[in-house]
Amino acid sequence: MRVKVSVTLSADLVDDARGLGLNMSRIVEAALIEGTKAERIRRQKDRAALDEDGDDPG
């Protein structure tokens, strides 16, 4: 399922992307997929580091 969202982007960037015929929705979606993967990995590493140190985060 796809949902409609609103984002704010630089007008120059949007004009440039449109001029190149780029599909901004697909590009933003791909970037969010990569960003969420990277953030999940970062958080897993943080949790693992806390576990190794014996610290209790909560």
C-alpha atoms as a PDB file:
ATOM      1  CA  MET A   1       0.000   0.000   0.000  1.00  0.00           C
ATOM      2  CA  ARG A   2       1.209   3.495  -0.751  1.00  0.00           C
ATOM      3  CA  VAL A   3       0.312   6.606   1.242  1.00  0.00           C
ATOM      4  CA  LYS A   4       0.474  10.256   0.297  1.00  0.00           C
ATOM      5  CA  VAL A   5       2.793  12.403   2.437  1.00  0.00           C
ATOM      6  CA  SER A   6       3.987  15.971   2.297  1.00  0.00           C
ATOM      7  CA  VAL A   7       7.667  16.938   2.231  1.00  0.00           C
ATOM      8  CA  THR A   8       9.367  20.282   1.879  1.00  0.00           C
ATOM      9  CA  LEU A   9      12.208  20.475  -0.640  1.00  0.00           C
ATOM     10  CA  SER A  10      14.308  23.201  -2.176  1.00  0.00           C
ATOM     11  CA  ALA A  11      12.456  24.805  -5.085  1.00  0.00           C
ATOM     12  CA  ASP A  12      15.628  24.756  -7.185  1.00  0.00           C
ATOM     13  CA  LEU A  13      16.092  21.047  -6.510  1.00  0.00           C
ATOM     14  CA  VAL A  14      12.495  20.253  -7.460  1.00  0.00           C
ATOM     15  CA  ASP A  15      12.771  22.317 -10.648  1.00  0.00           C
ATOM     16  CA  ASP A  16      15.997  20.549 -11.569  1.00  0.00           C
ATOM     17  CA  ALA A  17      14.538  17.093 -10.875  1.00  0.00           C
ATOM     18  CA  ARG A  18      11.411  17.863 -12.887  1.00  0.00           C
ATOM     19  CA  GLY A  19      13.514  19.197 -15.732  1.00  0.00           C
ATOM     20  CA  LEU A  20      15.394  15.915 -15.790  1.00  0.00           C
ATOM     21  CA  GLY A  21      12.155  13.926 -15.719  1.00  0.00           C
ATOM     22  CA  LEU A  22      13.036  12.235 -12.441  1.00  0.00           C
ATOM     23  CA  ASN A  23      10.411  10.375 -10.420  1.00  0.00           C
ATOM     24  CA  MET A  24      10.836  12.170  -7.106  1.00  0.00           C
ATOM     25  CA  SER A  25       8.491   9.839  -5.235  1.00  0.00           C
ATOM     26  CA  ARG A  26      10.566   6.801  -6.161  1.00  0.00           C
ATOM     27  CA  ILE A  27      13.832   8.563  -5.383  1.00  0.00           C
ATOM     28  CA  VAL A  28      12.624   9.748  -1.976  1.00  0.00           C
ATOM     29  CA  GLU A  29      11.232   6.302  -1.211  1.00  0.00           C
ATOM     30  CA  ALA A  30      14.556   4.648  -2.076  1.00  0.00           C
ATOM     31  CA  ALA A  31      16.431   7.172   0.073  1.00  0.00           C
ATOM     32  CA  LEU A  32      14.089   6.523   3.017  1.00  0.00           C
ATOM     33  CA  ILE A  33      14.550   2.772   2.639  1.00  0.00           C
ATOM     34  CA  GLU A  34      18.320   3.200   2.828  1.00  0.00           C
ATOM     35  CA  GLY A  35      18.073   5.728   5.644  1.00  0.00           C
ATOM     36  CA  THR A  36      15.861   3.504   7.777  1.00  0.00           C
ATOM     37  CA  LYS A  37      18.143   0.512   7.181  1.00  0.00           C
ATOM     38  CA  ALA A  38      21.170   2.562   8.247  1.00  0.00           C
ATOM     39  CA  GLU A  39      19.385   3.856  11.349  1.00  0.00           C
ATOM     40  CA  ARG A  40      18.276   0.360  12.379  1.00  0.00           C
ATOM     41  CA  ILE A  41      21.848  -0.891  12.032  1.00  0.00           C
ATOM     42  CA  ARG A  42      23.164   2.090  14.037  1.00  0.00           C
ATOM     43  CA  ARG A  43      20.656   1.433  16.826  1.00  0.00           C
ATOM     44  CA  GLN A  44      21.484  -2.278  16.887  1.00  0.00           C
ATOM     45  CA  LYS A  45      25.169  -1.419  17.234  1.00  0.00           C
ATOM     46  CA  ASP A  46      24.375   1.028  20.042  1.00  0.00           C
ATOM     47  CA  ARG A  47      22.350  -1.620  21.882  1.00  0.00           C
ATOM     48  CA  ALA A  48      25.087  -4.199  21.382  1.00  0.00           C
ATOM     49  CA  ALA A  49      27.697  -1.779  22.732  1.00  0.00           C
ATOM     50  CA  LEU A  50      25.544  -1.100  25.791  1.00  0.00           C
ATOM     51  CA  ASP A  51      25.068  -4.838  26.315  1.00  0.00           C
ATOM     52  CA  GLU A  52      28.830  -5.392  26.132  1.00  0.00           C
ATOM     53  CA  ASP A  53      29.461  -2.625  28.668  1.00  0.00           C
ATOM     54  CA  GLY A  54      26.853  -4.065  30.992  1.00  0.00           C
ATOM     55  CA  ASP A  55      24.959  -0.792  31.076  1.00  0.00           C
ATOM     56  CA  ASP A  56      21.208  -0.892  31.451  1.00  0.00           C
ATOM     57  CA  PRO A  57      19.676   1.730  29.128  1.00  0.00           C
ATOM     58  CA  GLY A  58      16.336   1.691  30.871  1.00  0.00           C
END
